[in-house]
N, C-alpha and C. Protein backbone atom coordinates (compact mmCIF):
# COMPACT_ATOMS: atom_id res chain seq x y z
N MET A 1 -23.02 -4.99 -6.34
CA MET A 1 -22.81 -4.37 -5.06
C MET A 1 -21.64 -3.38 -5.19
N LYS A 2 -21.85 -2.17 -4.73
CA LYS A 2 -20.81 -1.16 -4.76
C LYS A 2 -20.08 -1.13 -3.43
N ILE A 3 -18.76 -1.19 -3.48
CA ILE A 3 -17.94 -1.16 -2.27
C ILE A 3 -17.54 0.29 -2.00
N PRO A 4 -17.75 0.78 -0.77
CA PRO A 4 -17.32 2.14 -0.46
C PRO A 4 -15.79 2.24 -0.58
N PRO A 5 -15.27 3.38 -1.02
CA PRO A 5 -13.83 3.53 -1.15
C PRO A 5 -13.12 3.28 0.18
N PHE A 6 -11.97 2.64 0.11
CA PHE A 6 -11.19 2.41 1.32
C PHE A 6 -9.77 2.92 1.14
N HIS A 7 -9.10 3.09 2.26
CA HIS A 7 -7.71 3.54 2.31
C HIS A 7 -6.91 2.39 2.91
N LEU A 8 -5.91 1.91 2.18
CA LEU A 8 -5.07 0.82 2.67
C LEU A 8 -3.62 1.29 2.67
N ALA A 9 -3.00 1.29 3.84
CA ALA A 9 -1.60 1.67 3.98
C ALA A 9 -0.79 0.42 4.26
N ILE A 10 0.28 0.22 3.48
CA ILE A 10 1.10 -0.98 3.67
C ILE A 10 2.56 -0.58 3.85
N PRO A 11 3.29 -1.32 4.70
CA PRO A 11 4.72 -1.07 4.85
C PRO A 11 5.47 -1.72 3.70
N VAL A 12 6.47 -1.02 3.18
CA VAL A 12 7.30 -1.57 2.10
C VAL A 12 8.78 -1.31 2.43
N SER A 13 9.62 -2.19 1.93
CA SER A 13 11.06 -2.03 2.16
C SER A 13 11.73 -1.27 1.03
N SER A 14 11.01 -1.03 -0.06
CA SER A 14 11.57 -0.28 -1.20
C SER A 14 10.46 0.47 -1.92
N ILE A 15 10.54 1.79 -1.88
CA ILE A 15 9.55 2.60 -2.60
C ILE A 15 9.69 2.38 -4.10
N SER A 16 10.92 2.30 -4.59
CA SER A 16 11.12 2.13 -6.04
C SER A 16 10.55 0.79 -6.54
N LYS A 17 10.72 -0.28 -5.78
CA LYS A 17 10.14 -1.58 -6.18
C LYS A 17 8.62 -1.53 -6.11
N SER A 18 8.10 -0.81 -5.13
CA SER A 18 6.64 -0.65 -5.02
C SER A 18 6.10 0.11 -6.21
N MET A 19 6.81 1.16 -6.62
CA MET A 19 6.38 1.95 -7.78
C MET A 19 6.43 1.09 -9.05
N GLU A 20 7.43 0.27 -9.16
CA GLU A 20 7.54 -0.63 -10.31
C GLU A 20 6.34 -1.59 -10.34
N PHE A 21 6.01 -2.16 -9.19
CA PHE A 21 4.93 -3.15 -9.13
C PHE A 21 3.56 -2.51 -9.32
N TYR A 22 3.21 -1.54 -8.47
CA TYR A 22 1.86 -0.96 -8.52
C TYR A 22 1.67 -0.03 -9.71
N GLY A 23 2.69 0.77 -10.01
CA GLY A 23 2.56 1.73 -11.10
C GLY A 23 2.73 1.12 -12.47
N LYS A 24 3.78 0.35 -12.66
CA LYS A 24 4.07 -0.18 -13.99
C LYS A 24 3.41 -1.52 -14.25
N LEU A 25 3.58 -2.48 -13.35
CA LEU A 25 3.03 -3.82 -13.60
C LEU A 25 1.50 -3.83 -13.52
N LEU A 26 0.94 -3.28 -12.43
CA LEU A 26 -0.52 -3.28 -12.28
C LEU A 26 -1.19 -2.11 -12.99
N GLY A 27 -0.43 -1.07 -13.32
CA GLY A 27 -0.98 0.08 -14.04
C GLY A 27 -1.81 1.02 -13.19
N CYS A 28 -1.58 1.03 -11.87
CA CYS A 28 -2.31 1.94 -10.99
C CYS A 28 -1.77 3.36 -11.18
N GLN A 29 -2.68 4.33 -11.21
CA GLN A 29 -2.29 5.72 -11.38
C GLN A 29 -1.72 6.26 -10.08
N GLU A 30 -0.53 6.84 -10.17
CA GLU A 30 0.08 7.44 -9.00
C GLU A 30 -0.66 8.71 -8.64
N GLY A 31 -0.89 8.90 -7.34
CA GLY A 31 -1.54 10.11 -6.86
C GLY A 31 -0.49 11.08 -6.37
N ARG A 32 -0.21 11.02 -5.09
CA ARG A 32 0.78 11.91 -4.49
C ARG A 32 2.00 11.10 -4.07
N ARG A 33 3.09 11.85 -3.84
CA ARG A 33 4.33 11.21 -3.41
C ARG A 33 5.05 12.16 -2.47
N CYS A 34 5.60 11.62 -1.40
CA CYS A 34 6.38 12.43 -0.47
C CYS A 34 7.70 12.80 -1.15
N ILE A 35 8.07 14.07 -1.10
CA ILE A 35 9.30 14.50 -1.76
C ILE A 35 10.54 13.89 -1.09
N LYS A 36 10.41 13.46 0.16
CA LYS A 36 11.52 12.81 0.85
C LYS A 36 11.60 11.32 0.51
N GLY A 37 10.61 10.82 -0.22
CA GLY A 37 10.64 9.42 -0.65
C GLY A 37 10.17 8.41 0.38
N SER A 38 9.41 8.87 1.38
CA SER A 38 8.98 7.93 2.42
C SER A 38 7.62 7.29 2.16
N TRP A 39 6.87 7.81 1.18
CA TRP A 39 5.59 7.19 0.83
C TRP A 39 5.15 7.62 -0.57
N VAL A 40 4.27 6.82 -1.14
CA VAL A 40 3.65 7.12 -2.43
C VAL A 40 2.25 6.52 -2.39
N ASP A 41 1.27 7.22 -2.97
CA ASP A 41 -0.08 6.64 -2.98
C ASP A 41 -0.57 6.45 -4.41
N TYR A 42 -1.53 5.53 -4.54
CA TYR A 42 -2.06 5.14 -5.84
C TYR A 42 -3.57 5.08 -5.82
N ASN A 43 -4.14 5.29 -7.00
CA ASN A 43 -5.55 5.00 -7.22
C ASN A 43 -5.59 3.50 -7.49
N PHE A 44 -6.03 2.75 -6.50
CA PHE A 44 -6.07 1.29 -6.58
C PHE A 44 -7.48 0.86 -6.95
N PHE A 45 -7.81 1.01 -8.23
CA PHE A 45 -9.11 0.62 -8.76
C PHE A 45 -10.25 1.33 -8.01
N GLY A 46 -10.04 2.65 -7.78
CA GLY A 46 -11.04 3.48 -7.11
C GLY A 46 -10.83 3.61 -5.61
N HIS A 47 -9.83 2.92 -5.08
CA HIS A 47 -9.50 2.99 -3.66
C HIS A 47 -8.12 3.60 -3.52
N GLN A 48 -7.74 3.96 -2.30
CA GLN A 48 -6.43 4.57 -2.09
C GLN A 48 -5.49 3.57 -1.45
N LEU A 49 -4.39 3.32 -2.11
CA LEU A 49 -3.33 2.44 -1.60
C LEU A 49 -2.11 3.30 -1.34
N VAL A 50 -1.59 3.25 -0.13
CA VAL A 50 -0.41 4.03 0.22
C VAL A 50 0.71 3.09 0.63
N CYS A 51 1.85 3.22 -0.01
CA CYS A 51 3.04 2.44 0.33
C CYS A 51 3.94 3.32 1.20
N HIS A 52 4.19 2.86 2.43
CA HIS A 52 5.03 3.59 3.38
C HIS A 52 6.35 2.86 3.54
N PHE A 53 7.45 3.58 3.32
CA PHE A 53 8.76 2.96 3.51
C PHE A 53 8.99 2.70 4.99
N THR A 54 9.43 1.50 5.29
CA THR A 54 9.80 1.16 6.67
C THR A 54 11.31 0.97 6.72
N SER A 55 11.77 -0.22 6.44
CA SER A 55 13.21 -0.52 6.36
C SER A 55 13.36 -1.94 5.84
N GLU A 56 14.57 -2.29 5.53
CA GLU A 56 14.85 -3.66 5.09
C GLU A 56 14.60 -4.65 6.23
N ASN A 57 14.77 -4.20 7.47
CA ASN A 57 14.69 -5.08 8.65
C ASN A 57 13.34 -5.07 9.33
N PHE A 58 12.34 -4.42 8.74
CA PHE A 58 11.02 -4.32 9.36
C PHE A 58 10.40 -5.70 9.56
N LYS A 59 9.95 -5.97 10.75
CA LYS A 59 9.25 -7.22 11.06
C LYS A 59 7.88 -6.87 11.63
N PRO A 60 6.82 -7.12 10.86
CA PRO A 60 5.48 -6.81 11.38
C PRO A 60 5.12 -7.71 12.55
N ILE A 61 4.28 -7.22 13.40
CA ILE A 61 3.79 -8.00 14.53
C ILE A 61 2.69 -8.92 14.01
N ASP A 62 2.79 -10.21 14.33
CA ASP A 62 1.73 -11.13 13.94
C ASP A 62 0.47 -10.76 14.69
N HIS A 63 -0.59 -10.53 13.95
CA HIS A 63 -1.85 -10.15 14.56
C HIS A 63 -2.99 -10.71 13.72
N PHE A 64 -3.97 -11.20 14.37
CA PHE A 64 -5.14 -11.69 13.66
C PHE A 64 -6.37 -11.53 14.53
N ASN A 65 -7.49 -11.48 13.90
CA ASN A 65 -8.79 -11.42 14.59
C ASN A 65 -9.60 -12.63 14.18
N PRO A 66 -10.34 -13.19 15.11
CA PRO A 66 -11.20 -14.32 14.72
C PRO A 66 -12.30 -13.86 13.75
N VAL A 67 -12.59 -14.69 12.80
CA VAL A 67 -13.64 -14.41 11.83
C VAL A 67 -14.68 -15.52 11.94
N ASP A 68 -15.92 -15.14 12.18
CA ASP A 68 -17.00 -16.10 12.34
C ASP A 68 -16.69 -17.18 13.38
N GLY A 69 -16.00 -16.77 14.45
CA GLY A 69 -15.72 -17.69 15.54
C GLY A 69 -14.52 -18.59 15.29
N ASP A 70 -13.86 -18.47 14.16
CA ASP A 70 -12.68 -19.31 13.86
C ASP A 70 -11.40 -18.52 14.06
């Protein structure tokens, strides 16, 4: 089964740590990068993964959707 390409944007507290993890550890090819350092994107096994800098204090809102009625 072929999965259509997807775009996944995630908040990160450190662009440099994200680059270390996705670029060096996982070996994902870097695509584009904001010259101001606020985001970087990767070829994530044929999909697009974008790391967006938020802050050290970022607290995501808990959110979930029911799946199969659960």
